[in-house]
Amino acid sequence: MKASDIMTREVVAVAPDTPVREVAKLMVDERISGVPVMDHGKLVGILSENDLARRVELDTDKTRSSWLQFFTSEDTILTEYVHARGQVAGDVMTTKVVTVTRDTPIKDIAEILETRHIKRVPVVDGGQVVGIVSRANLIQALAAIASPSTEPMQADDASIRDVILAEIQKVVWPSPIMNTVTVNNGIVHLWGYVGSDNERRAVRIAAERAPGVKEVRDHRSDFIRSS
């Protein structure tokens, strides 16, 4: 899947001279957590909940003791002052906007949202904003994926076991793996020892995801390390 498959196409945007209070009301009315700021069709910034969280009207603007302020750069102090007291979107918006294209894979978008600590990213085509992909869109895409068929796929036991072992090997485990996998008539049996609850869950999930599996039975014991 890519951005064009999940993006919100009806983009709610504001102009740089839109009053901050109007932007806040718009976000509440539209039930959105951020809006692009457009100037004559060009994306110039984005205004999010984070940009409006520190406001002098709410008495949430940042304050520092005199000695701590001494160690804070003048540019940081001025930026915080503008964000807390700016009256229009252009003064408060974030100007360094990360964008994607229609063809950007959603895997890459998820990586951007996570590493940049942002909740949404505009989709740009030919310099024009054609959509928005938010974390909510990713969750909606997950919910829309068709559930697996309740009828198990037909696969021989040896093939099922090979798939499970290959899936387990994809993960770098935090402790030595001592898992033996046997398959009988589509029923997977897990034997051996596990070093943690996460290891137990991960191997079980790897087994459950294999095509043709009817049931997973976990017979493993906790691995006790000698001191």
C-alpha atoms as a PDB file:
ATOM      1  CA  MET A   1       0.000   0.000   0.000  1.00  0.00           C
ATOM      2  CA  LYS A   2       1.066   3.579  -0.624  1.00  0.00           C
ATOM      3  CA  ALA A   3       0.081   7.094   0.439  1.00  0.00           C
ATOM      4  CA  SER A   4      -2.597   7.503  -2.229  1.00  0.00           C
ATOM      5  CA  ASP A   5      -4.363   4.377  -0.956  1.00  0.00           C
ATOM      6  CA  ILE A   6      -4.938   5.671   2.578  1.00  0.00           C
ATOM      7  CA  MET A   7      -4.592   9.473   2.543  1.00  0.00           C
ATOM      8  CA  THR A   8      -7.388  11.873   3.450  1.00  0.00           C
ATOM      9  CA  ARG A   9      -8.121  13.739   0.226  1.00  0.00           C
ATOM     10  CA  GLU A  10     -10.352  16.494   1.593  1.00  0.00           C
ATOM     11  CA  VAL A  11      -7.577  18.647   3.037  1.00  0.00           C
ATOM     12  CA  VAL A  12      -8.607  21.312   5.545  1.00  0.00           C
ATOM     13  CA  ALA A  13      -6.079  24.143   5.292  1.00  0.00           C
ATOM     14  CA  VAL A  14      -5.651  27.692   6.561  1.00  0.00           C
ATOM     15  CA  ALA A  15      -3.867  30.806   5.350  1.00  0.00           C
ATOM     16  CA  PRO A  16      -0.868  32.357   7.143  1.00  0.00           C
ATOM     17  CA  ASP A  17      -3.009  35.286   8.300  1.00  0.00           C
ATOM     18  CA  THR A  18      -5.729  33.103   9.845  1.00  0.00           C
ATOM     19  CA  PRO A  19      -6.118  34.021  13.542  1.00  0.00           C
ATOM     20  CA  VAL A  20      -4.856  31.374  15.940  1.00  0.00           C
ATOM     21  CA  ARG A  21      -8.193  31.176  17.749  1.00  0.00           C
ATOM     22  CA  GLU A  22      -9.964  30.487  14.450  1.00  0.00           C
ATOM     23  CA  VAL A  23      -7.474  27.722  13.721  1.00  0.00           C
ATOM     24  CA  ALA A  24      -8.097  26.196  17.151  1.00  0.00           C
ATOM     25  CA  LYS A  25     -11.865  26.302  16.610  1.00  0.00           C
ATOM     26  CA  LEU A  26     -11.476  24.779  13.143  1.00  0.00           C
ATOM     27  CA  MET A  27      -9.424  21.898  14.535  1.00  0.00           C
ATOM     28  CA  VAL A  28     -12.058  21.250  17.203  1.00  0.00           C
ATOM     29  CA  ASP A  29     -14.969  21.465  14.751  1.00  0.00           C
ATOM     30  CA  GLU A  30     -13.291  19.223  12.168  1.00  0.00           C
ATOM     31  CA  ARG A  31     -11.925  16.851  14.812  1.00  0.00           C
ATOM     32  CA  ILE A  32      -8.393  17.079  13.441  1.00  0.00           C
ATOM     33  CA  SER A  33      -5.088  17.557  15.226  1.00  0.00           C
ATOM     34  CA  GLY A  34      -3.293  19.656  12.626  1.00  0.00           C
ATOM     35  CA  VAL A  35      -3.745  21.713   9.468  1.00  0.00           C
ATOM     36  CA  PRO A  36      -1.471  22.675   6.562  1.00  0.00           C
ATOM     37  CA  VAL A  37      -0.832  26.390   6.135  1.00  0.00           C
ATOM     38  CA  MET A  38      -1.165  27.408   2.471  1.00  0.00           C
ATOM     39  CA  ASP A  39      -0.123  30.685   0.862  1.00  0.00           C
ATOM     40  CA  HIS A  40      -1.596  31.108  -2.653  1.00  0.00           C
ATOM     41  CA  GLY A  41      -1.657  27.335  -3.127  1.00  0.00           C
ATOM     42  CA  LYS A  42       1.845  26.772  -1.787  1.00  0.00           C
ATOM     43  CA  LEU A  43       2.551  24.806   1.372  1.00  0.00           C
ATOM     44  CA  VAL A  44       4.428  27.089   3.771  1.00  0.00           C
ATOM     45  CA  GLY A  45       3.942  25.308   7.091  1.00  0.00           C
ATOM     46  CA  ILE A  46       1.823  23.103   9.269  1.00  0.00           C
ATOM     47  CA  LEU A  47       0.039  23.953  12.490  1.00  0.00           C
ATOM     48  CA  SER A  48      -0.550  21.172  15.009  1.00  0.00           C
ATOM     49  CA  GLU A  49      -1.755  20.651  18.546  1.00  0.00           C
ATOM     50  CA  ASN A  50       1.844  20.829  19.718  1.00  0.00           C
ATOM     51  CA  ASP A  51       2.190  24.325  18.256  1.00  0.00           C
ATOM     52  CA  LEU A  52      -0.802  25.498  20.271  1.00  0.00           C
ATOM     53  CA  ALA A  53      -0.082  23.680  23.527  1.00  0.00           C
ATOM     54  CA  ARG A  54       2.178  26.380  25.013  1.00  0.00           C
ATOM     55  CA  ARG A  55       0.018  29.523  25.009  1.00  0.00           C
ATOM     56  CA  VAL A  56       0.071  32.551  27.275  1.00  0.00           C
ATOM     57  CA  GLU A  57      -3.747  32.597  27.235  1.00  0.00           C
ATOM     58  CA  LEU A  58      -3.734  29.162  28.859  1.00  0.00           C
ATOM     59  CA  ASP A  59      -0.901  30.034  31.215  1.00  0.00           C
ATOM     60  CA  THR A  60       1.034  27.122  29.712  1.00  0.00           C
ATOM     61  CA  ASP A  61       3.841  29.143  28.124  1.00  0.00           C
ATOM     62  CA  LYS A  62       7.321  28.080  29.144  1.00  0.00           C
ATOM     63  CA  THR A  63       8.952  29.831  32.068  1.00  0.00           C
ATOM     64  CA  ARG A  64      12.512  29.431  33.295  1.00  0.00           C
ATOM     65  CA  SER A  65      14.456  30.523  36.307  1.00  0.00           C
ATOM     66  CA  SER A  66      16.957  33.306  35.641  1.00  0.00           C
ATOM     67  CA  TRP A  67      19.965  30.991  35.858  1.00  0.00           C
ATOM     68  CA  LEU A  68      18.427  28.424  33.482  1.00  0.00           C
ATOM     69  CA  GLN A  69      17.461  31.168  31.052  1.00  0.00           C
ATOM     70  CA  PHE A  70      21.112  32.217  31.034  1.00  0.00           C
ATOM     71  CA  PHE A  71      22.018  28.844  29.489  1.00  0.00           C
ATOM     72  CA  THR A  72      19.201  28.938  26.916  1.00  0.00           C
ATOM     73  CA  SER A  73      19.978  30.370  23.498  1.00  0.00           C
ATOM     74  CA  GLU A  74      18.406  33.677  22.554  1.00  0.00           C
ATOM     75  CA  ASP A  75      16.925  32.115  19.418  1.00  0.00           C
ATOM     76  CA  THR A  76      15.139  29.454  21.490  1.00  0.00           C
ATOM     77  CA  ILE A  77      13.725  32.040  23.880  1.00  0.00           C
ATOM     78  CA  LEU A  78      12.481  34.220  21.011  1.00  0.00           C
ATOM     79  CA  THR A  79      10.940  31.234  19.214  1.00  0.00           C
ATOM     80  CA  GLU A  80       9.078  30.203  22.360  1.00  0.00           C
ATOM     81  CA  TYR A  81       7.881  33.778  22.879  1.00  0.00           C
ATOM     82  CA  VAL A  82       6.463  33.945  19.340  1.00  0.00           C
ATOM     83  CA  HIS A  83       4.782  30.544  19.624  1.00  0.00           C
ATOM     84  CA  ALA A  84       3.158  31.452  22.918  1.00  0.00           C
ATOM     85  CA  ARG A  85       1.920  34.874  21.825  1.00  0.00           C
ATOM     86  CA  GLY A  86       1.623  34.842  18.035  1.00  0.00           C
ATOM     87  CA  GLN A  87      -1.865  35.793  16.874  1.00  0.00           C
ATOM     88  CA  VAL A  88      -1.889  34.293  13.362  1.00  0.00           C
ATOM     89  CA  ALA A  89      -1.050  30.894  11.892  1.00  0.00           C
ATOM     90  CA  GLY A  90       2.030  32.182  10.074  1.00  0.00           C
ATOM     91  CA  ASP A  91       3.675  33.158  13.364  1.00  0.00           C
ATOM     92  CA  VAL A  92       2.942  29.937  15.198  1.00  0.00           C
ATOM     93  CA  MET A  93       3.238  27.268  12.474  1.00  0.00           C
ATOM     94  CA  THR A  94       6.102  24.835  12.023  1.00  0.00           C
ATOM     95  CA  THR A  95       7.895  25.774   8.813  1.00  0.00           C
ATOM     96  CA  LYS A  96      10.109  22.715   8.370  1.00  0.00           C
ATOM     97  CA  VAL A  97       7.451  20.411   6.948  1.00  0.00           C
ATOM     98  CA  VAL A  98       8.168  16.816   6.000  1.00  0.00           C
ATOM     99  CA  THR A  99       6.175  15.763   2.927  1.00  0.00           C
ATOM    100  CA  VAL A 100       5.626  12.578   0.934  1.00  0.00           C
ATOM    101  CA  THR A 101       4.331  11.782  -2.551  1.00  0.00           C
ATOM    102  CA  ARG A 102       1.341   9.744  -3.675  1.00  0.00           C
ATOM    103  CA  ASP A 103       3.634   6.767  -4.302  1.00  0.00           C
ATOM    104  CA  THR A 104       5.417   6.757  -0.943  1.00  0.00           C
ATOM    105  CA  PRO A 105       4.946   3.292   0.634  1.00  0.00           C
ATOM    106  CA  ILE A 106       3.056   3.391   3.926  1.00  0.00           C
ATOM    107  CA  LYS A 107       5.971   1.525   5.499  1.00  0.00           C
ATOM    108  CA  ASP A 108       8.139   4.577   4.830  1.00  0.00           C
ATOM    109  CA  ILE A 109       5.418   6.907   6.110  1.00  0.00           C
ATOM    110  CA  ALA A 110       5.169   4.982   9.372  1.00  0.00           C
ATOM    111  CA  GLU A 111       8.942   5.304   9.745  1.00  0.00           C
ATOM    112  CA  ILE A 112       8.749   9.075   9.162  1.00  0.00           C
ATOM    113  CA  LEU A 113       5.974   9.552  11.711  1.00  0.00           C
ATOM    114  CA  GLU A 114       7.861   7.545  14.305  1.00  0.00           C
ATOM    115  CA  THR A 115      11.355   8.988  13.843  1.00  0.00           C
ATOM    116  CA  ARG A 116      10.156  12.586  13.478  1.00  0.00           C
ATOM    117  CA  HIS A 117       7.686  12.286  16.373  1.00  0.00           C
ATOM    118  CA  ILE A 118       4.872  13.753  14.261  1.00  0.00           C
ATOM    119  CA  LYS A 119       1.250  12.710  13.793  1.00  0.00           C
ATOM    120  CA  ARG A 120       0.662  13.585  10.141  1.00  0.00           C
ATOM    121  CA  VAL A 121       2.453  14.266   6.874  1.00  0.00           C
ATOM    122  CA  PRO A 122       1.161  16.164   3.807  1.00  0.00           C
ATOM    123  CA  VAL A 123       1.057  14.381   0.459  1.00  0.00           C
ATOM    124  CA  VAL A 124       2.399  16.652  -2.293  1.00  0.00           C
ATOM    125  CA  ASP A 125       2.049  16.273  -6.059  1.00  0.00           C
ATOM    126  CA  GLY A 126       3.513  18.893  -8.385  1.00  0.00           C
ATOM    127  CA  GLY A 127       3.929  21.321  -5.520  1.00  0.00           C
ATOM    128  CA  GLN A 128       0.273  21.000  -4.536  1.00  0.00           C
ATOM    129  CA  VAL A 129      -1.039  19.370  -1.364  1.00  0.00           C
ATOM    130  CA  VAL A 130      -3.334  16.568  -2.505  1.00  0.00           C
ATOM    131  CA  GLY A 131      -3.843  14.792   0.797  1.00  0.00           C
ATOM    132  CA  ILE A 132      -2.792  14.132   4.363  1.00  0.00           C
ATOM    133  CA  VAL A 133      -1.648  10.863   5.905  1.00  0.00           C
ATOM    134  CA  SER A 134      -2.012  10.702   9.666  1.00  0.00           C
ATOM    135  CA  ARG A 135      -1.426   8.026  12.252  1.00  0.00           C
ATOM    136  CA  ALA A 136      -5.188   7.583  12.275  1.00  0.00           C
ATOM    137  CA  ASN A 137      -5.081   6.753   8.541  1.00  0.00           C
ATOM    138  CA  LEU A 138      -2.548   4.008   9.242  1.00  0.00           C
ATOM    139  CA  ILE A 139      -4.822   2.535  11.914  1.00  0.00           C
ATOM    140  CA  GLN A 140      -7.792   2.758   9.533  1.00  0.00           C
ATOM    141  CA  ALA A 141      -5.781   0.915   6.878  1.00  0.00           C
ATOM    142  CA  LEU A 142      -5.000  -1.841   9.361  1.00  0.00           C
ATOM    143  CA  ALA A 143      -8.665  -2.137  10.312  1.00  0.00           C
ATOM    144  CA  ALA A 144      -9.692  -2.319   6.651  1.00  0.00           C
ATOM    145  CA  ILE A 145      -7.411  -5.211   5.806  1.00  0.00           C
ATOM    146  CA  ALA A 146      -9.538  -8.282   5.210  1.00  0.00           C
ATOM    147  CA  SER A 147      -9.423 -10.817   7.995  1.00  0.00           C
ATOM    148  CA  PRO A 148      -7.749 -14.120   7.154  1.00  0.00           C
ATOM    149  CA  SER A 149     -10.058 -16.851   5.998  1.00  0.00           C
ATOM    150  CA  THR A 150     -11.422 -19.001   8.778  1.00  0.00           C
ATOM    151  CA  GLU A 151     -10.747 -21.995   6.552  1.00  0.00           C
ATOM    152  CA  PRO A 152      -7.117 -23.055   7.067  1.00  0.00           C
ATOM    153  CA  MET A 153      -4.991 -23.291   3.940  1.00  0.00           C
ATOM    154  CA  GLN A 154      -3.900 -26.718   2.886  1.00  0.00           C
ATOM    155  CA  ALA A 155      -0.180 -27.221   3.428  1.00  0.00           C
ATOM    156  CA  ASP A 156       1.882 -30.242   4.328  1.00  0.00           C
ATOM    157  CA  ASP A 157       3.419 -30.411   7.775  1.00  0.00           C
ATOM    158  CA  ALA A 158       6.998 -30.163   6.532  1.00  0.00           C
ATOM    159  CA  SER A 159       6.249 -26.956   4.612  1.00  0.00           C
ATOM    160  CA  ILE A 160       4.506 -25.430   7.626  1.00  0.00           C
ATOM    161  CA  ARG A 161       7.509 -26.226   9.827  1.00  0.00           C
ATOM    162  CA  ASP A 162       9.940 -24.705   7.311  1.00  0.00           C
ATOM    163  CA  VAL A 163       7.921 -21.477   7.181  1.00  0.00           C
ATOM    164  CA  ILE A 164       7.819 -21.207  10.977  1.00  0.00           C
ATOM    165  CA  LEU A 165      11.555 -21.820  11.387  1.00  0.00           C
ATOM    166  CA  ALA A 166      12.344 -19.256   8.680  1.00  0.00           C
ATOM    167  CA  GLU A 167      10.123 -16.680  10.403  1.00  0.00           C
ATOM    168  CA  ILE A 168      11.787 -17.281  13.764  1.00  0.00           C
ATOM    169  CA  GLN A 169      15.233 -16.766  12.235  1.00  0.00           C
ATOM    170  CA  LYS A 170      14.262 -13.267  11.035  1.00  0.00           C
ATOM    171  CA  VAL A 171      14.350 -11.993  14.601  1.00  0.00           C
ATOM    172  CA  VAL A 172      17.459 -11.191  16.641  1.00  0.00           C
ATOM    173  CA  TRP A 173      16.559 -12.798  19.924  1.00  0.00           C
ATOM    174  CA  PRO A 174      17.606 -11.342  23.285  1.00  0.00           C
ATOM    175  CA  SER A 175      18.417 -14.792  24.653  1.00  0.00           C
ATOM    176  CA  PRO A 176      19.470 -18.142  23.185  1.00  0.00           C
ATOM    177  CA  ILE A 177      16.644 -19.795  21.319  1.00  0.00           C
ATOM    178  CA  MET A 178      15.972 -23.364  22.411  1.00  0.00           C
ATOM    179  CA  ASN A 179      12.743 -23.984  20.560  1.00  0.00           C
ATOM    180  CA  THR A 180      11.887 -27.220  18.818  1.00  0.00           C
ATOM    181  CA  VAL A 181       9.008 -27.106  16.356  1.00  0.00           C
ATOM    182  CA  THR A 182       7.031 -30.151  15.335  1.00  0.00           C
ATOM    183  CA  VAL A 183       3.907 -30.193  13.156  1.00  0.00           C
ATOM    184  CA  ASN A 184       1.318 -32.948  12.992  1.00  0.00           C
ATOM    185  CA  ASN A 185      -1.766 -32.598  10.782  1.00  0.00           C
ATOM    186  CA  GLY A 186      -1.486 -28.804  10.850  1.00  0.00           C
ATOM    187  CA  ILE A 187      -1.162 -28.656  14.644  1.00  0.00           C
ATOM    188  CA  VAL A 188       2.079 -27.008  15.727  1.00  0.00           C
ATOM    189  CA  HIS A 189       3.823 -28.132  18.901  1.00  0.00           C
ATOM    190  CA  LEU A 190       6.455 -25.890  20.464  1.00  0.00           C
ATOM    191  CA  TRP A 191       8.979 -27.631  22.708  1.00  0.00           C
ATOM    192  CA  GLY A 192      12.039 -26.516  24.655  1.00  0.00           C
ATOM    193  CA  TYR A 193      12.744 -23.475  26.806  1.00  0.00           C
ATOM    194  CA  VAL A 194      12.205 -19.724  26.604  1.00  0.00           C
ATOM    195  CA  GLY A 195      14.177 -16.951  28.252  1.00  0.00           C
ATOM    196  CA  SER A 196      11.421 -14.330  28.504  1.00  0.00           C
ATOM    197  CA  ASP A 197       7.707 -13.704  28.063  1.00  0.00           C
ATOM    198  CA  ASN A 198       8.426 -11.691  24.914  1.00  0.00           C
ATOM    199  CA  GLU A 199      10.334 -14.624  23.446  1.00  0.00           C
ATOM    200  CA  ARG A 200       7.439 -16.935  24.244  1.00  0.00           C
ATOM    201  CA  ARG A 201       4.919 -14.629  22.572  1.00  0.00           C
ATOM    202  CA  ALA A 202       7.113 -13.938  19.535  1.00  0.00           C
ATOM    203  CA  VAL A 203       7.694 -17.593  18.700  1.00  0.00           C
ATOM    204  CA  ARG A 204       4.017 -18.382  19.247  1.00  0.00           C
ATOM    205  CA  ILE A 205       2.984 -15.552  16.926  1.00  0.00           C
ATOM    206  CA  ALA A 206       5.507 -16.712  14.308  1.00  0.00           C
ATOM    207  CA  ALA A 207       3.852 -20.120  14.416  1.00  0.00           C
ATOM    208  CA  GLU A 208       0.305 -18.753  14.312  1.00  0.00           C
ATOM    209  CA  ARG A 209       1.046 -16.678  11.195  1.00  0.00           C
ATOM    210  CA  ALA A 210       2.209 -19.604   9.090  1.00  0.00           C
ATOM    211  CA  PRO A 211      -0.260 -20.601   6.335  1.00  0.00           C
ATOM    212  CA  GLY A 212      -1.974 -23.903   7.009  1.00  0.00           C
ATOM    213  CA  VAL A 213      -1.638 -23.838  10.788  1.00  0.00           C
ATOM    214  CA  LYS A 214      -4.772 -25.065  12.547  1.00  0.00           C
ATOM    215  CA  GLU A 215      -3.613 -24.748  16.143  1.00  0.00           C
ATOM    216  CA  VAL A 216      -0.488 -23.956  18.181  1.00  0.00           C
ATOM    217  CA  ARG A 217       0.249 -25.860  21.374  1.00  0.00           C
ATOM    218  CA  ASP A 218       3.013 -24.439  23.522  1.00  0.00           C
ATOM    219  CA  HIS A 219       4.780 -26.991  25.725  1.00  0.00           C
ATOM    220  CA  ARG A 220       7.877 -24.895  26.485  1.00  0.00           C
ATOM    221  CA  SER A 221       9.241 -24.228  29.941  1.00  0.00           C
ATOM    222  CA  ASP A 222      10.945 -21.123  31.304  1.00  0.00           C
ATOM    223  CA  PHE A 223      14.706 -21.187  30.976  1.00  0.00           C
ATOM    224  CA  ILE A 224      16.360 -20.641  34.355  1.00  0.00           C
ATOM    225  CA  ARG A 225      19.866 -19.216  34.088  1.00  0.00           C
ATOM    226  CA  SER A 226      22.420 -20.303  36.628  1.00  0.00           C
ATOM    227  CA  SER A 227      23.959 -17.472  38.635  1.00  0.00           C
END
